Protein backbone atom coordinates (compact mmCIF):
# COMPACT_ATOMS: atom_id res chain seq x y z
CA MET A 1 9.73 27.77 0.23
CA GLN A 2 8.82 27.07 -3.37
CA ALA A 3 7.84 23.77 -2.56
CA GLU A 4 5.77 24.13 0.64
CA PRO A 5 2.15 24.02 -1.40
CA LEU A 6 2.73 20.79 -3.60
CA SER A 7 4.19 19.26 -0.17
CA LEU A 8 1.06 19.99 1.71
CA VAL A 9 -1.06 19.10 -1.62
CA PHE A 10 1.25 15.48 -2.22
CA THR A 11 0.32 15.10 1.56
CA GLN A 12 -3.11 15.34 1.58
CA LEU A 13 -3.34 13.18 -1.25
CA LEU A 14 -1.52 10.37 0.07
CA SER A 15 -3.18 10.72 3.11
CA VAL A 16 -6.84 9.95 1.84
CA SER A 17 -4.97 7.48 -1.01
CA GLU A 18 -6.29 9.35 -3.72
CA VAL A 19 -5.23 11.35 -6.78
CA PRO A 20 -6.69 13.69 -9.21
CA ASP A 21 -8.18 11.64 -12.26
CA ASP A 22 -6.36 14.34 -14.49
CA TRP A 23 -3.02 13.04 -13.15
CA LYS A 24 -3.66 9.41 -14.47
CA ARG A 25 -4.49 10.63 -18.51
CA ALA A 26 -2.26 10.85 -20.82
CA VAL A 27 -1.90 12.52 -24.05
CA ILE A 28 -0.29 10.59 -27.01
CA VAL A 29 1.13 12.93 -29.10
CA PRO A 30 2.89 10.79 -32.56
CA VAL A 31 6.66 11.69 -32.59
CA ILE A 32 7.99 11.59 -36.47
CA LYS A 33 10.22 8.60 -36.97
CA LYS A 34 11.79 10.22 -40.72
CA GLY A 35 10.70 11.27 -43.80
CA ALA A 36 7.94 13.44 -45.12
CA VAL A 37 5.02 14.88 -42.75
CA SER A 38 2.27 13.55 -44.91
CA TYR A 39 3.19 9.97 -44.40
CA ILE A 40 1.61 8.27 -41.38
CA SER A 41 3.86 5.32 -41.85
CA ASN A 42 6.54 7.83 -40.87
CA TYR A 43 4.90 8.44 -37.09
CA MET A 44 4.60 5.02 -36.35
CA TYR A 45 6.86 3.63 -33.60
CA ARG A 46 7.21 7.26 -31.86
CA PRO A 47 4.36 7.85 -29.50
CA ILE A 48 5.84 10.27 -26.94
CA SER A 49 3.20 10.43 -23.38
CA LEU A 50 2.77 13.66 -22.23
CA THR A 51 1.42 13.45 -18.29
CA CYS A 52 0.82 15.85 -15.62
CA VAL A 53 4.24 17.06 -14.48
CA VAL A 54 3.17 17.80 -11.06
CA SER A 55 1.98 14.17 -11.14
CA LYS A 56 6.31 12.97 -12.04
CA ILE A 57 6.98 15.54 -9.89
CA MET A 58 5.47 12.79 -6.90
CA GLU A 59 5.80 10.04 -9.19
CA ARG A 60 9.79 10.65 -8.29
CA ILE A 61 9.75 11.90 -4.72
CA ILE A 62 7.86 8.29 -3.93
CA SER A 63 10.07 5.93 -6.10
CA ARG A 64 12.76 7.71 -4.90
CA GLN A 65 11.94 7.07 -1.29
CA ILE A 66 11.63 3.99 -1.90
CA PHE A 67 14.15 3.13 -3.78
CA ASP A 68 16.39 4.85 -0.77
CA HIS A 69 14.72 2.31 1.98
CA LEU A 70 15.32 -0.65 -0.27
CA LEU A 71 19.28 0.32 -1.27
CA THR A 72 19.38 1.23 3.11
CA ASN A 73 18.07 -1.56 4.33
CA ASN A 74 19.58 -3.61 2.45
CA LEU A 75 16.84 -5.46 0.68
CA PHE A 76 17.84 -5.98 -3.21
CA TYR A 77 19.46 -9.34 -3.43
CA PRO A 78 23.52 -9.40 -4.37
CA GLU A 79 22.69 -9.77 -8.22
CA GLN A 80 20.68 -7.22 -8.53
CA HIS A 81 22.32 -4.68 -11.24
CA GLY A 82 19.90 -3.07 -12.87
CA PHE A 83 18.60 0.29 -11.98
CA ILE A 84 20.70 0.85 -9.39
CA ARG A 85 23.56 3.72 -9.54
CA HIS A 86 27.41 3.00 -9.95
CA VAL A 87 27.38 -0.63 -9.84
CA LEU A 88 28.31 -2.20 -13.08
CA THR A 89 25.98 -4.65 -15.01
CA CYS A 90 29.04 -6.56 -16.21
CA LEU A 91 30.17 -9.91 -15.99
CA LYS A 92 32.74 -9.97 -13.40
CA VAL A 93 35.35 -12.77 -14.54
C-alpha cells in the first residue's frame, strides 16, 4: 500500500479544487544543443522544464481517467487519430 499516502493527498486536493503553489512552478534548465559549453548560443532552443514529480503523477492519473472516459463513451470523432494508441494516422486508400 505504498500508493495510499499519495491517494489520500490527491483526494484531499481534488475535494478542495486546489494544488500547492510549488506544484505549479517549474525550473527551466538550458541544455546544450551542440558545441562548446562556453558559448551561450549553443544552449538555444533546448530548455528542459523540471516540475514537481508528485504533480506529474497526479496529472498522469487525471489525464488517463479523462481519456478512458472519452474512449469508453465513444466521445472521439471517428476522424480523431492523434494521440490515440493503436490507431494509425495514415490516410486510408
